[in-house]
Amino acid sequence: MSSVRPKQIHDCSFSDAMHREIVERLEKSKALGLISDYFVSWIGVHGKLAPVVRAWRNPHMSAIRIREQVSSSLAGLVELTHLTIVDGDPIA
């Protein structure tokens, strides 16, 4: 894992390195079977962008456990308010 840590998540611009770190951590959650898929986007205005993650959970696992583990893995990169754990099929 790299050590990409924004000073303040609210005041960051889009960072390719940060985006890659988020994806790497989500891929680990996917490999562990916590989530089946995910979508990363960025919201805000130029110079004040923040990452937003939507992750589709494994329906056979506790939603609370998944949220805790995924949010923990994304700590320092994605604010809890910008993380959504979704039920259902990501293609539907």
N, C-alpha and C. Protein backbone atom coordinates (compact mmCIF):
# COMPACT_ATOMS: atom_id res chain seq x y z
N MET A 1 0.83 -1.18 0.00
CA MET A 1 0.00 0.00 0.00
C MET A 1 0.88 1.24 0.00
N SER A 2 0.48 2.20 -0.76
CA SER A 2 1.23 3.45 -0.74
C SER A 2 0.78 4.29 0.44
N SER A 3 1.47 5.36 0.68
CA SER A 3 1.14 6.18 1.85
C SER A 3 0.51 7.51 1.44
N VAL A 4 -0.41 7.48 0.49
CA VAL A 4 -1.09 8.69 0.05
C VAL A 4 -2.08 9.09 1.13
N ARG A 5 -1.88 10.23 1.74
CA ARG A 5 -2.78 10.73 2.78
C ARG A 5 -3.01 12.23 2.55
N PRO A 6 -4.22 12.59 2.13
CA PRO A 6 -4.49 14.02 1.96
C PRO A 6 -4.53 14.72 3.31
N LYS A 7 -4.13 15.98 3.34
CA LYS A 7 -4.16 16.74 4.60
C LYS A 7 -5.59 16.94 5.05
N GLN A 8 -6.42 17.40 4.15
CA GLN A 8 -7.84 17.55 4.44
C GLN A 8 -8.59 17.04 3.24
N ILE A 9 -9.43 16.06 3.43
CA ILE A 9 -10.13 15.45 2.32
C ILE A 9 -10.95 16.49 1.57
N HIS A 10 -11.60 17.42 2.26
CA HIS A 10 -12.46 18.41 1.61
C HIS A 10 -11.70 19.34 0.68
N ASP A 11 -10.42 19.57 0.94
CA ASP A 11 -9.68 20.56 0.17
C ASP A 11 -8.75 19.95 -0.87
N CYS A 12 -8.98 18.68 -1.24
CA CYS A 12 -8.07 18.06 -2.19
C CYS A 12 -8.56 18.25 -3.61
N SER A 13 -7.64 18.27 -4.53
CA SER A 13 -7.95 18.24 -5.94
C SER A 13 -7.90 16.78 -6.36
N PHE A 14 -8.36 16.51 -7.57
CA PHE A 14 -8.27 15.14 -8.06
C PHE A 14 -6.81 14.72 -8.04
N SER A 15 -6.58 13.55 -7.50
CA SER A 15 -5.23 13.00 -7.42
C SER A 15 -5.26 11.61 -8.02
N ASP A 16 -4.50 11.43 -9.10
CA ASP A 16 -4.44 10.13 -9.74
C ASP A 16 -3.90 9.08 -8.76
N ALA A 17 -2.89 9.46 -7.98
CA ALA A 17 -2.32 8.53 -6.99
C ALA A 17 -3.35 8.16 -5.93
N MET A 18 -4.13 9.14 -5.49
CA MET A 18 -5.16 8.88 -4.48
C MET A 18 -6.25 7.99 -5.06
N HIS A 19 -6.63 8.25 -6.29
CA HIS A 19 -7.64 7.45 -6.96
C HIS A 19 -7.17 5.99 -7.07
N ARG A 20 -5.94 5.81 -7.47
CA ARG A 20 -5.38 4.45 -7.57
C ARG A 20 -5.35 3.76 -6.21
N GLU A 21 -5.02 4.49 -5.15
CA GLU A 21 -5.00 3.92 -3.80
C GLU A 21 -6.39 3.48 -3.37
N ILE A 22 -7.39 4.29 -3.66
CA ILE A 22 -8.78 3.93 -3.34
C ILE A 22 -9.17 2.65 -4.08
N VAL A 23 -8.87 2.61 -5.37
CA VAL A 23 -9.20 1.43 -6.18
C VAL A 23 -8.46 0.20 -5.65
N GLU A 24 -7.20 0.35 -5.29
CA GLU A 24 -6.43 -0.77 -4.76
C GLU A 24 -7.08 -1.33 -3.49
N ARG A 25 -7.50 -0.46 -2.62
CA ARG A 25 -8.13 -0.90 -1.36
C ARG A 25 -9.49 -1.53 -1.62
N LEU A 26 -10.25 -0.99 -2.59
CA LEU A 26 -11.54 -1.59 -2.93
C LEU A 26 -11.34 -2.96 -3.58
N GLU A 27 -10.31 -3.10 -4.37
CA GLU A 27 -10.01 -4.40 -4.98
C GLU A 27 -9.69 -5.44 -3.91
N LYS A 28 -9.02 -5.02 -2.84
CA LYS A 28 -8.74 -5.94 -1.73
C LYS A 28 -10.04 -6.36 -1.05
N SER A 29 -10.96 -5.39 -0.86
CA SER A 29 -12.26 -5.71 -0.28
C SER A 29 -13.03 -6.66 -1.18
N LYS A 30 -12.90 -6.47 -2.48
CA LYS A 30 -13.55 -7.34 -3.45
C LYS A 30 -12.94 -8.75 -3.38
N ALA A 31 -11.63 -8.84 -3.31
CA ALA A 31 -10.95 -10.14 -3.22
C ALA A 31 -11.32 -10.88 -1.94
N LEU A 32 -11.60 -10.14 -0.87
CA LEU A 32 -12.02 -10.75 0.40
C LEU A 32 -13.49 -11.18 0.38
N GLY A 33 -14.20 -10.82 -0.69
CA GLY A 33 -15.60 -11.20 -0.80
C GLY A 33 -16.56 -10.27 -0.09
N LEU A 34 -16.08 -9.10 0.33
CA LEU A 34 -16.95 -8.14 1.03
C LEU A 34 -17.89 -7.43 0.07
N ILE A 35 -17.36 -7.08 -1.11
CA ILE A 35 -18.14 -6.35 -2.11
C ILE A 35 -18.04 -7.07 -3.45
N SER A 36 -19.04 -6.86 -4.29
CA SER A 36 -19.02 -7.50 -5.61
C SER A 36 -18.55 -6.52 -6.68
N ASP A 37 -18.75 -5.24 -6.46
CA ASP A 37 -18.35 -4.23 -7.42
C ASP A 37 -18.33 -2.87 -6.73
N TYR A 38 -17.81 -1.86 -7.43
CA TYR A 38 -17.73 -0.53 -6.85
C TYR A 38 -17.64 0.52 -7.96
N PHE A 39 -17.90 1.76 -7.58
CA PHE A 39 -17.79 2.89 -8.51
C PHE A 39 -17.17 4.05 -7.73
N VAL A 40 -16.13 4.63 -8.28
CA VAL A 40 -15.46 5.77 -7.64
C VAL A 40 -15.67 6.98 -8.52
N SER A 41 -16.13 8.06 -7.93
CA SER A 41 -16.28 9.32 -8.66
C SER A 41 -15.76 10.45 -7.77
N TRP A 42 -15.70 11.63 -8.34
CA TRP A 42 -15.21 12.80 -7.61
C TRP A 42 -16.25 13.91 -7.74
N ILE A 43 -16.53 14.57 -6.61
CA ILE A 43 -17.50 15.66 -6.62
C ILE A 43 -16.85 16.94 -6.10
N GLY A 44 -17.45 18.06 -6.47
CA GLY A 44 -16.97 19.35 -5.99
C GLY A 44 -16.61 20.25 -7.16
N VAL A 45 -15.90 21.28 -6.85
CA VAL A 45 -15.44 22.23 -7.86
C VAL A 45 -13.92 22.16 -7.94
N HIS A 46 -13.38 22.68 -9.01
CA HIS A 46 -11.93 22.64 -9.22
C HIS A 46 -11.18 23.09 -7.97
N GLY A 47 -10.24 22.27 -7.54
CA GLY A 47 -9.45 22.60 -6.36
C GLY A 47 -10.07 22.14 -5.05
N LYS A 48 -11.33 21.73 -5.10
CA LYS A 48 -12.01 21.26 -3.89
C LYS A 48 -12.83 20.01 -4.22
N LEU A 49 -12.13 19.02 -4.75
CA LEU A 49 -12.79 17.77 -5.11
C LEU A 49 -12.63 16.74 -4.00
N ALA A 50 -13.61 15.90 -3.89
CA ALA A 50 -13.57 14.82 -2.89
C ALA A 50 -14.03 13.53 -3.55
N PRO A 51 -13.38 12.41 -3.22
CA PRO A 51 -13.80 11.13 -3.78
C PRO A 51 -15.10 10.64 -3.15
N VAL A 52 -15.90 9.98 -3.98
CA VAL A 52 -17.16 9.39 -3.56
C VAL A 52 -17.13 7.93 -4.01
N VAL A 53 -17.49 7.03 -3.11
CA VAL A 53 -17.47 5.60 -3.44
C VAL A 53 -18.85 5.00 -3.22
N ARG A 54 -19.27 4.23 -4.20
CA ARG A 54 -20.47 3.41 -4.08
C ARG A 54 -20.00 1.97 -4.25
N ALA A 55 -20.28 1.11 -3.27
CA ALA A 55 -19.84 -0.28 -3.32
C ALA A 55 -21.04 -1.19 -3.14
N TRP A 56 -21.13 -2.22 -3.97
CA TRP A 56 -22.20 -3.19 -3.88
C TRP A 56 -21.75 -4.32 -2.97
N ARG A 57 -22.52 -4.57 -1.92
CA ARG A 57 -22.12 -5.53 -0.90
C ARG A 57 -22.44 -6.96 -1.29
N ASN A 58 -21.70 -7.87 -0.70
CA ASN A 58 -21.98 -9.29 -0.80
C ASN A 58 -23.26 -9.54 -0.01
N PRO A 59 -24.31 -10.05 -0.64
CA PRO A 59 -25.59 -10.22 0.06
C PRO A 59 -25.56 -11.29 1.15
N HIS A 60 -24.50 -12.08 1.18
CA HIS A 60 -24.41 -13.16 2.17
C HIS A 60 -23.65 -12.75 3.42
N MET A 61 -23.29 -11.49 3.50
CA MET A 61 -22.55 -10.99 4.66
C MET A 61 -23.31 -9.84 5.30
N SER A 62 -23.02 -9.59 6.55
CA SER A 62 -23.66 -8.52 7.31
C SER A 62 -23.33 -7.15 6.70
N ALA A 63 -24.36 -6.36 6.45
CA ALA A 63 -24.16 -5.02 5.90
C ALA A 63 -23.32 -4.16 6.86
N ILE A 64 -23.55 -4.34 8.14
CA ILE A 64 -22.80 -3.56 9.15
C ILE A 64 -21.32 -3.93 9.11
N ARG A 65 -21.04 -5.22 9.06
CA ARG A 65 -19.64 -5.67 9.00
C ARG A 65 -18.94 -5.15 7.74
N ILE A 66 -19.64 -5.22 6.61
CA ILE A 66 -19.06 -4.76 5.35
C ILE A 66 -18.77 -3.26 5.44
N ARG A 67 -19.73 -2.50 5.91
CA ARG A 67 -19.54 -1.04 6.01
C ARG A 67 -18.34 -0.73 6.92
N GLU A 68 -18.26 -1.40 8.06
CA GLU A 68 -17.15 -1.15 8.98
C GLU A 68 -15.80 -1.47 8.33
N GLN A 69 -15.71 -2.61 7.66
CA GLN A 69 -14.43 -3.01 7.08
C GLN A 69 -14.04 -2.16 5.88
N VAL A 70 -15.01 -1.85 5.02
CA VAL A 70 -14.70 -1.04 3.84
C VAL A 70 -14.37 0.39 4.28
N SER A 71 -15.12 0.95 5.20
CA SER A 71 -14.83 2.31 5.65
C SER A 71 -13.47 2.37 6.36
N SER A 72 -13.14 1.33 7.10
CA SER A 72 -11.84 1.28 7.76
C SER A 72 -10.71 1.22 6.73
N SER A 73 -10.90 0.45 5.68
CA SER A 73 -9.85 0.34 4.66
C SER A 73 -9.68 1.64 3.88
N LEU A 74 -10.72 2.44 3.81
CA LEU A 74 -10.66 3.71 3.07
C LEU A 74 -10.41 4.92 3.98
N ALA A 75 -10.19 4.68 5.26
CA ALA A 75 -9.95 5.77 6.21
C ALA A 75 -8.80 6.66 5.74
N GLY A 76 -9.02 7.95 5.80
CA GLY A 76 -8.01 8.90 5.37
C GLY A 76 -8.07 9.23 3.89
N LEU A 77 -8.87 8.46 3.16
CA LEU A 77 -9.00 8.70 1.72
C LEU A 77 -10.41 9.14 1.34
N VAL A 78 -11.41 8.48 1.93
CA VAL A 78 -12.81 8.76 1.61
C VAL A 78 -13.55 9.03 2.91
N GLU A 79 -14.26 10.14 2.95
CA GLU A 79 -15.06 10.45 4.13
C GLU A 79 -16.22 9.47 4.24
N LEU A 80 -16.58 9.14 5.45
CA LEU A 80 -17.67 8.21 5.70
C LEU A 80 -18.96 8.68 5.02
N THR A 81 -19.18 9.98 4.98
CA THR A 81 -20.40 10.51 4.34
C THR A 81 -20.35 10.36 2.82
N HIS A 82 -19.19 10.04 2.27
CA HIS A 82 -19.05 9.86 0.83
C HIS A 82 -18.90 8.39 0.45
N LEU A 83 -19.27 7.50 1.37
CA LEU A 83 -19.23 6.07 1.12
C LEU A 83 -20.64 5.51 1.25
N THR A 84 -21.09 4.84 0.18
CA THR A 84 -22.41 4.21 0.19
C THR A 84 -22.23 2.73 -0.09
N ILE A 85 -22.79 1.90 0.79
CA ILE A 85 -22.80 0.46 0.57
C ILE A 85 -24.20 0.12 0.07
N VAL A 86 -24.25 -0.52 -1.10
CA VAL A 86 -25.51 -0.73 -1.80
C VAL A 86 -25.87 -2.22 -1.84
N ASP A 87 -27.16 -2.50 -1.69
CA ASP A 87 -27.67 -3.86 -1.89
C ASP A 87 -28.03 -4.00 -3.36
N GLY A 88 -28.04 -5.21 -3.84
CA GLY A 88 -28.52 -5.45 -5.20
C GLY A 88 -27.43 -5.61 -6.23
N ASP A 89 -27.86 -5.72 -7.46
CA ASP A 89 -26.99 -5.97 -8.60
C ASP A 89 -26.51 -4.65 -9.18
N PRO A 90 -25.18 -4.46 -9.34
CA PRO A 90 -24.68 -3.19 -9.88
C PRO A 90 -25.09 -2.94 -11.33
N ILE A 91 -25.48 -3.98 -12.04
CA ILE A 91 -25.85 -3.83 -13.45
C ILE A 91 -27.30 -3.44 -13.60
N ALA A 92 -28.13 -3.78 -12.63
CA ALA A 92 -29.57 -3.51 -12.72
C ALA A 92 -29.88 -2.04 -12.70
